[in-house]
């Protein structure tokens, strides 16, 4: 069964660290990490070594901040 994983972290190596929070609907934590690394690396042109993970947690449906993800899950 899929679960919602929230990843909080920051992108290092820029003038100022950029803080981010991402939520993914995945089967395993490792899948969420792989998608996050791919997504942030692609959008911000940074290598994985410059992405620092501060926390990874499973969140409930009520705690989802991403509106499109929440709507997608409610539809299914």
PDB file of N, CA and C in Angstrom:
ATOM      1  N   UNK A   1       0.841  -1.182   0.000  1.00  0.00           N
ATOM      2  CA  UNK A   1       0.000   0.000   0.000  1.00  0.00           C
ATOM      3  C   UNK A   1       0.886   1.245   0.000  1.00  0.00           C
ATOM      4  N   UNK A   2       0.493   2.232  -0.784  1.00  0.00           N
ATOM      5  CA  UNK A   2       1.263   3.466  -0.889  1.00  0.00           C
ATOM      6  C   UNK A   2       1.112   4.304   0.372  1.00  0.00           C
ATOM      7  N   UNK A   3       2.136   5.097   0.623  1.00  0.00           N
ATOM      8  CA  UNK A   3       2.100   6.000   1.760  1.00  0.00           C
ATOM      9  C   UNK A   3       2.638   7.355   1.326  1.00  0.00           C
ATOM     10  N   UNK A   4       2.328   8.371   2.104  1.00  0.00           N
ATOM     11  CA  UNK A   4       2.774   9.721   1.805  1.00  0.00           C
ATOM     12  C   UNK A   4       4.037   9.982   2.623  1.00  0.00           C
ATOM     13  N   UNK A   5       5.135  10.303   1.919  1.00  0.00           N
ATOM     14  CA  UNK A   5       6.409  10.586   2.558  1.00  0.00           C
ATOM     15  C   UNK A   5       6.726  12.063   2.363  1.00  0.00           C
ATOM     16  N   UNK A   6       7.084  12.732   3.452  1.00  0.00           N
ATOM     17  CA  UNK A   6       7.460  14.143   3.411  1.00  0.00           C
ATOM     18  C   UNK A   6       8.955  14.237   3.688  1.00  0.00           C
ATOM     19  N   UNK A   7       9.667  14.939   2.807  1.00  0.00           N
ATOM     20  CA  UNK A   7      11.111  15.126   2.938  1.00  0.00           C
ATOM     21  C   UNK A   7      11.387  16.609   3.119  1.00  0.00           C
ATOM     22  N   UNK A   8      12.086  16.953   4.197  1.00  0.00           N
ATOM     23  CA  UNK A   8      12.521  18.324   4.449  1.00  0.00           C
ATOM     24  C   UNK A   8      14.035  18.365   4.310  1.00  0.00           C
ATOM     25  N   UNK A   9      14.539  19.416   3.674  1.00  0.00           N
ATOM     26  CA  UNK A   9      15.982  19.519   3.507  1.00  0.00           C
ATOM     27  C   UNK A   9      16.385  20.871   2.980  1.00  0.00           C
ATOM     28  N   UNK A  10      17.629  20.932   2.530  1.00  0.00           N
ATOM     29  CA  UNK A  10      18.131  22.180   1.978  1.00  0.00           C
ATOM     30  C   UNK A  10      19.146  21.894   0.883  1.00  0.00           C
ATOM     31  N   UNK A  11      19.272  22.858  -0.018  1.00  0.00           N
ATOM     32  CA  UNK A  11      20.234  22.770  -1.107  1.00  0.00           C
ATOM     33  C   UNK A  11      21.428  23.622  -0.708  1.00  0.00           C
ATOM     34  N   UNK A  12      22.589  23.005  -0.633  1.00  0.00           N
ATOM     35  CA  UNK A  12      23.811  23.698  -0.246  1.00  0.00           C
ATOM     36  C   UNK A  12      24.591  24.108  -1.491  1.00  0.00           C
ATOM     37  N   UNK A  13      25.631  24.905  -1.315  1.00  0.00           N
ATOM     38  CA  UNK A  13      26.494  25.262  -2.420  1.00  0.00           C
ATOM     39  C   UNK A  13      26.067  26.510  -3.163  1.00  0.00           C
ATOM     40  N   UNK A  14      24.946  27.083  -2.805  1.00  0.00           N
ATOM     41  CA  UNK A  14      24.498  28.344  -3.403  1.00  0.00           C
ATOM     42  C   UNK A  14      24.941  29.475  -2.471  1.00  0.00           C
ATOM     43  N   UNK A  15      24.639  30.717  -2.821  1.00  0.00           N
ATOM     44  CA  UNK A  15      24.990  31.838  -1.953  1.00  0.00           C
ATOM     45  C   UNK A  15      24.344  31.680  -0.586  1.00  0.00           C
ATOM     46  N   UNK A  16      23.084  31.309  -0.580  1.00  0.00           N
ATOM     47  CA  UNK A  16      22.363  31.028   0.658  1.00  0.00           C
ATOM     48  C   UNK A  16      21.697  29.669   0.500  1.00  0.00           C
ATOM     49  N   UNK A  17      21.683  28.868   1.573  1.00  0.00           N
ATOM     50  CA  UNK A  17      21.000  27.566   1.469  1.00  0.00           C
ATOM     51  C   UNK A  17      19.520  27.749   1.135  1.00  0.00           C
ATOM     52  N   UNK A  18      19.020  26.911   0.242  1.00  0.00           N
ATOM     53  CA  UNK A  18      17.607  26.947  -0.136  1.00  0.00           C
ATOM     54  C   UNK A  18      16.903  25.816   0.598  1.00  0.00           C
ATOM     55  N   UNK A  19      15.890  26.142   1.378  1.00  0.00           N
ATOM     56  CA  UNK A  19      15.144  25.160   2.159  1.00  0.00           C
ATOM     57  C   UNK A  19      13.979  24.644   1.325  1.00  0.00           C
ATOM     58  N   UNK A  20      13.687  23.339   1.434  1.00  0.00           N
ATOM     59  CA  UNK A  20      12.569  22.770   0.692  1.00  0.00           C
ATOM     60  C   UNK A  20      11.829  21.743   1.530  1.00  0.00           C
ATOM     61  N   UNK A  21      10.599  21.476   1.119  1.00  0.00           N
ATOM     62  CA  UNK A  21       9.763  20.443   1.708  1.00  0.00           C
ATOM     63  C   UNK A  21       8.980  19.811   0.559  1.00  0.00           C
ATOM     64  N   UNK A  22       9.125  18.500   0.391  1.00  0.00           N
ATOM     65  CA  UNK A  22       8.471  17.778  -0.709  1.00  0.00           C
ATOM     66  C   UNK A  22       7.661  16.626  -0.156  1.00  0.00           C
ATOM     67  N   UNK A  23       6.527  16.335  -0.791  1.00  0.00           N
ATOM     68  CA  UNK A  23       5.673  15.216  -0.404  1.00  0.00           C
ATOM     69  C   UNK A  23       5.454  14.324  -1.621  1.00  0.00           C
ATOM     70  N   UNK A  24       5.550  13.018  -1.384  1.00  0.00           N
ATOM     71  CA  UNK A  24       5.410  12.047  -2.474  1.00  0.00           C
ATOM     72  C   UNK A  24       4.521  10.891  -2.051  1.00  0.00           C
ATOM     73  N   UNK A  25       3.760  10.380  -2.994  1.00  0.00           N
ATOM     74  CA  UNK A  25       2.924   9.195  -2.803  1.00  0.00           C
ATOM     75  C   UNK A  25       3.705   8.012  -3.375  1.00  0.00           C
ATOM     76  N   UNK A  26       4.352   7.229  -2.494  1.00  0.00           N
ATOM     77  CA  UNK A  26       5.245   6.154  -2.929  1.00  0.00           C
ATOM     78  C   UNK A  26       5.033   4.896  -2.086  1.00  0.00           C
ATOM     79  N   UNK A  27       5.638   3.815  -2.524  1.00  0.00           N
ATOM     80  CA  UNK A  27       5.570   2.567  -1.768  1.00  0.00           C
ATOM     81  C   UNK A  27       6.636   2.505  -0.679  1.00  0.00           C
ATOM     82  N   UNK A  28       7.843   3.025  -0.974  1.00  0.00           N
ATOM     83  CA  UNK A  28       8.961   2.963  -0.033  1.00  0.00           C
ATOM     84  C   UNK A  28       9.624   4.327   0.108  1.00  0.00           C
ATOM     85  N   UNK A  29      10.272   4.543   1.253  1.00  0.00           N
ATOM     86  CA  UNK A  29      11.009   5.782   1.495  1.00  0.00           C
ATOM     87  C   UNK A  29      12.088   6.004   0.443  1.00  0.00           C
ATOM     88  N   UNK A  30      12.746   4.929   0.046  1.00  0.00           N
ATOM     89  CA  UNK A  30      13.827   5.017  -0.937  1.00  0.00           C
ATOM     90  C   UNK A  30      13.325   5.575  -2.265  1.00  0.00           C
ATOM     91  N   UNK A  31      12.093   5.230  -2.634  1.00  0.00           N
ATOM     92  CA  UNK A  31      11.503   5.746  -3.867  1.00  0.00           C
ATOM     93  C   UNK A  31      11.317   7.256  -3.788  1.00  0.00           C
ATOM     94  N   UNK A  32      10.856   7.734  -2.631  1.00  0.00           N
ATOM     95  CA  UNK A  32      10.659   9.174  -2.441  1.00  0.00           C
ATOM     96  C   UNK A  32      11.990   9.906  -2.533  1.00  0.00           C
ATOM     97  N   UNK A  33      13.031   9.348  -1.919  1.00  0.00           N
ATOM     98  CA  UNK A  33      14.356   9.974  -1.976  1.00  0.00           C
ATOM     99  C   UNK A  33      14.870  10.055  -3.412  1.00  0.00           C
ATOM    100  N   UNK A  34      14.709   8.981  -4.155  1.00  0.00           N
ATOM    101  CA  UNK A  34      15.188   8.956  -5.535  1.00  0.00           C
ATOM    102  C   UNK A  34      14.456   9.993  -6.391  1.00  0.00           C
ATOM    103  N   UNK A  35      13.151  10.092  -6.233  1.00  0.00           N
ATOM    104  CA  UNK A  35      12.370  11.083  -6.991  1.00  0.00           C
ATOM    105  C   UNK A  35      12.798  12.490  -6.605  1.00  0.00           C
ATOM    106  N   UNK A  36      12.966  12.735  -5.299  1.00  0.00           N
ATOM    107  CA  UNK A  36      13.364  14.061  -4.820  1.00  0.00           C
ATOM    108  C   UNK A  36      14.724  14.463  -5.369  1.00  0.00           C
ATOM    109  N   UNK A  37      15.720  13.550  -5.295  1.00  0.00           N
ATOM    110  CA  UNK A  37      17.055  13.856  -5.830  1.00  0.00           C
ATOM    111  C   UNK A  37      16.987  14.173  -7.311  1.00  0.00           C
ATOM    112  N   UNK A  38      16.224  13.400  -8.045  1.00  0.00           N
ATOM    113  CA  UNK A  38      16.091  13.595  -9.480  1.00  0.00           C
ATOM    114  C   UNK A  38      15.415  14.933  -9.799  1.00  0.00           C
ATOM    115  N   UNK A  39      14.331  15.210  -9.096  1.00  0.00           N
ATOM    116  CA  UNK A  39      13.553  16.427  -9.322  1.00  0.00           C
ATOM    117  C   UNK A  39      14.369  17.692  -8.993  1.00  0.00           C
ATOM    118  N   UNK A  40      14.978  17.717  -7.826  1.00  0.00           N
ATOM    119  CA  UNK A  40      15.726  18.908  -7.412  1.00  0.00           C
ATOM    120  C   UNK A  40      16.998  19.074  -8.244  1.00  0.00           C
ATOM    121  N   UNK A  41      17.675  17.966  -8.530  1.00  0.00           N
ATOM    122  CA  UNK A  41      18.870  18.037  -9.370  1.00  0.00           C
ATOM    123  C   UNK A  41      18.557  18.589 -10.745  1.00  0.00           C
ATOM    124  N   UNK A  42      17.435  18.184 -11.291  1.00  0.00           N
ATOM    125  CA  UNK A  42      17.032  18.640 -12.612  1.00  0.00           C
ATOM    126  C   UNK A  42      16.626  20.116 -12.621  1.00  0.00           C
ATOM    127  N   UNK A  43      15.822  20.507 -11.656  1.00  0.00           N
ATOM    128  CA  UNK A  43      15.296  21.879 -11.624  1.00  0.00           C
ATOM    129  C   UNK A  43      16.337  22.913 -11.205  1.00  0.00           C
ATOM    130  N   UNK A  44      17.216  22.549 -10.267  1.00  0.00           N
ATOM    131  CA  UNK A  44      18.159  23.522  -9.701  1.00  0.00           C
ATOM    132  C   UNK A  44      19.603  23.267 -10.115  1.00  0.00           C
ATOM    133  N   UNK A  45      19.830  22.243 -10.931  1.00  0.00           N
ATOM    134  CA  UNK A  45      21.161  21.917 -11.451  1.00  0.00           C
ATOM    135  C   UNK A  45      22.189  21.743 -10.336  1.00  0.00           C
ATOM    136  N   UNK A  46      21.853  20.927  -9.355  1.00  0.00           N
ATOM    137  CA  UNK A  46      22.788  20.620  -8.276  1.00  0.00           C
ATOM    138  C   UNK A  46      22.993  19.107  -8.203  1.00  0.00           C
ATOM    139  N   UNK A  47      24.160  18.707  -7.757  1.00  0.00           N
ATOM    140  CA  UNK A  47      24.457  17.292  -7.580  1.00  0.00           C
ATOM    141  C   UNK A  47      23.902  16.818  -6.241  1.00  0.00           C
ATOM    142  N   UNK A  48      23.721  15.524  -6.117  1.00  0.00           N
ATOM    143  CA  UNK A  48      23.154  14.931  -4.904  1.00  0.00           C
ATOM    144  C   UNK A  48      23.961  15.285  -3.663  1.00  0.00           C
ATOM    145  N   UNK A  49      25.262  15.453  -3.813  1.00  0.00           N
ATOM    146  CA  UNK A  49      26.125  15.759  -2.665  1.00  0.00           C
ATOM    147  C   UNK A  49      25.780  17.114  -2.043  1.00  0.00           C
ATOM    148  N   UNK A  50      25.138  17.990  -2.803  1.00  0.00           N
ATOM    149  CA  UNK A  50      24.787  19.321  -2.306  1.00  0.00           C
ATOM    150  C   UNK A  50      23.350  19.402  -1.801  1.00  0.00           C
ATOM    151  N   UNK A  51      22.670  18.261  -1.713  1.00  0.00           N
ATOM    152  CA  UNK A  51      21.310  18.219  -1.178  1.00  0.00           C
ATOM    153  C   UNK A  51      21.378  17.569   0.200  1.00  0.00           C
ATOM    154  N   UNK A  52      21.052  18.331   1.224  1.00  0.00           N
ATOM    155  CA  UNK A  52      21.100  17.836   2.602  1.00  0.00           C
ATOM    156  C   UNK A  52      19.679  17.514   3.059  1.00  0.00           C
ATOM    157  N   UNK A  53      19.470  16.287   3.518  1.00  0.00           N
ATOM    158  CA  UNK A  53      18.163  15.856   4.015  1.00  0.00           C
ATOM    159  C   UNK A  53      18.118  16.108   5.521  1.00  0.00           C
ATOM    160  N   UNK A  54      17.146  16.895   5.977  1.00  0.00           N
ATOM    161  CA  UNK A  54      16.987  17.174   7.403  1.00  0.00           C
ATOM    162  C   UNK A  54      16.041  16.190   8.072  1.00  0.00           C
ATOM    163  N   UNK A  55      14.973  15.786   7.386  1.00  0.00           N
ATOM    164  CA  UNK A  55      14.047  14.822   7.969  1.00  0.00           C
ATOM    165  C   UNK A  55      13.237  14.129   6.877  1.00  0.00           C
ATOM    166  N   UNK A  56      12.856  12.893   7.182  1.00  0.00           N
ATOM    167  CA  UNK A  56      11.966  12.106   6.325  1.00  0.00           C
ATOM    168  C   UNK A  56      10.916  11.519   7.248  1.00  0.00           C
ATOM    169  N   UNK A  57       9.638  11.758   6.905  1.00  0.00           N
ATOM    170  CA  UNK A  57       8.577  11.241   7.762  1.00  0.00           C
ATOM    171  C   UNK A  57       7.358  10.856   6.932  1.00  0.00           C
ATOM    172  N   UNK A  58       6.603   9.918   7.457  1.00  0.00           N
ATOM    173  CA  UNK A  58       5.337   9.538   6.840  1.00  0.00           C
ATOM    174  C   UNK A  58       4.261  10.449   7.410  1.00  0.00           C
ATOM    175  N   UNK A  59       3.423  11.007   6.547  1.00  0.00           N
ATOM    176  CA  UNK A  59       2.371  11.912   6.999  1.00  0.00           C
ATOM    177  C   UNK A  59       1.001  11.338   6.684  1.00  0.00           C
ATOM    178  N   UNK A  60       0.012  11.764   7.452  1.00  0.00           N
ATOM    179  CA  UNK A  60      -1.358  11.314   7.232  1.00  0.00           C
ATOM    180  C   UNK A  60      -2.020  12.190   6.164  1.00  0.00           C
ATOM    181  N   UNK A  61      -3.166  11.762   5.701  1.00  0.00           N
ATOM    182  CA  UNK A  61      -3.899  12.497   4.676  1.00  0.00           C
ATOM    183  C   UNK A  61      -4.228  13.915   5.130  1.00  0.00           C
ATOM    184  N   UNK A  62      -4.539  14.086   6.405  1.00  0.00           N
ATOM    185  CA  UNK A  62      -4.903  15.407   6.930  1.00  0.00           C
ATOM    186  C   UNK A  62      -3.722  16.368   6.944  1.00  0.00           C
ATOM    187  N   UNK A  63      -2.488  15.845   6.988  1.00  0.00           N
ATOM    188  CA  UNK A  63      -1.299  16.688   7.110  1.00  0.00           C
ATOM    189  C   UNK A  63      -0.642  17.022   5.776  1.00  0.00           C
ATOM    190  N   UNK A  64      -1.208  16.571   4.669  1.00  0.00           N
ATOM    191  CA  UNK A  64      -0.623  16.838   3.351  1.00  0.00           C
ATOM    192  C   UNK A  64      -0.792  18.318   3.012  1.00  0.00           C
ATOM    193  N   UNK A  65       0.318  18.962   2.624  1.00  0.00           N
ATOM    194  CA  UNK A  65       0.293  20.380   2.250  1.00  0.00           C
ATOM    195  C   UNK A  65       0.152  20.578   0.744  1.00  0.00           C
ATOM    196  N   UNK A  66       0.594  19.600  -0.051  1.00  0.00           N
ATOM    197  CA  UNK A  66       0.532  19.678  -1.499  1.00  0.00           C
ATOM    198  C   UNK A  66      -0.913  19.441  -1.943  1.00  0.00           C
ATOM    199  N   UNK A  67      -1.580  20.476  -2.430  1.00  0.00           N
ATOM    200  CA  UNK A  67      -3.002  20.398  -2.767  1.00  0.00           C
ATOM    201  C   UNK A  67      -3.289  19.421  -3.898  1.00  0.00           C
ATOM    202  N   UNK A  68      -2.450  19.403  -4.921  1.00  0.00           N
ATOM    203  CA  UNK A  68      -2.706  18.491  -6.045  1.00  0.00           C
ATOM    204  C   UNK A  68      -2.516  17.032  -5.616  1.00  0.00           C
ATOM    205  N   UNK A  69      -1.555  16.758  -4.765  1.00  0.00           N
ATOM    206  CA  UNK A  69      -1.366  15.398  -4.250  1.00  0.00           C
ATOM    207  C   UNK A  69      -2.545  14.979  -3.378  1.00  0.00           C
ATOM    208  N   UNK A  70      -3.002  15.891  -2.546  1.00  0.00           N
ATOM    209  CA  UNK A  70      -4.138  15.596  -1.677  1.00  0.00           C
ATOM    210  C   UNK A  70      -5.383  15.304  -2.502  1.00  0.00           C
ATOM    211  N   UNK A  71      -5.621  16.100  -3.511  1.00  0.00           N
ATOM    212  CA  UNK A  71      -6.786  15.902  -4.377  1.00  0.00           C
ATOM    213  C   UNK A  71      -6.687  14.572  -5.123  1.00  0.00           C
ATOM    214  N   UNK A  72      -5.497  14.224  -5.607  1.00  0.00           N
ATOM    215  CA  UNK A  72      -5.282  12.967  -6.304  1.00  0.00           C
ATOM    216  C   UNK A  72      -5.596  11.775  -5.390  1.00  0.00           C
ATOM    217  N   UNK A  73      -5.138  11.817  -4.162  1.00  0.00           N
ATOM    218  CA  UNK A  73      -5.351  10.721  -3.229  1.00  0.00           C
ATOM    219  C   UNK A  73      -6.829  10.617  -2.853  1.00  0.00           C
ATOM    220  N   UNK A  74      -7.486  11.739  -2.675  1.00  0.00           N
ATOM    221  CA  UNK A  74      -8.909  11.717  -2.320  1.00  0.00           C
ATOM    222  C   UNK A  74      -9.762  11.160  -3.462  1.00  0.00           C
ATOM    223  N   UNK A  75      -9.322  11.353  -4.700  1.00  0.00           N
ATOM    224  CA  UNK A  75     -10.080  10.858  -5.850  1.00  0.00           C
ATOM    225  C   UNK A  75      -9.976   9.347  -5.977  1.00  0.00           C
ATOM    226  N   UNK A  76      -8.886   8.759  -5.488  1.00  0.00           N
ATOM    227  CA  UNK A  76      -8.675   7.313  -5.636  1.00  0.00           C
ATOM    228  C   UNK A  76      -9.227   6.544  -4.492  1.00  0.00           C
TER     229      UNK A  76
END
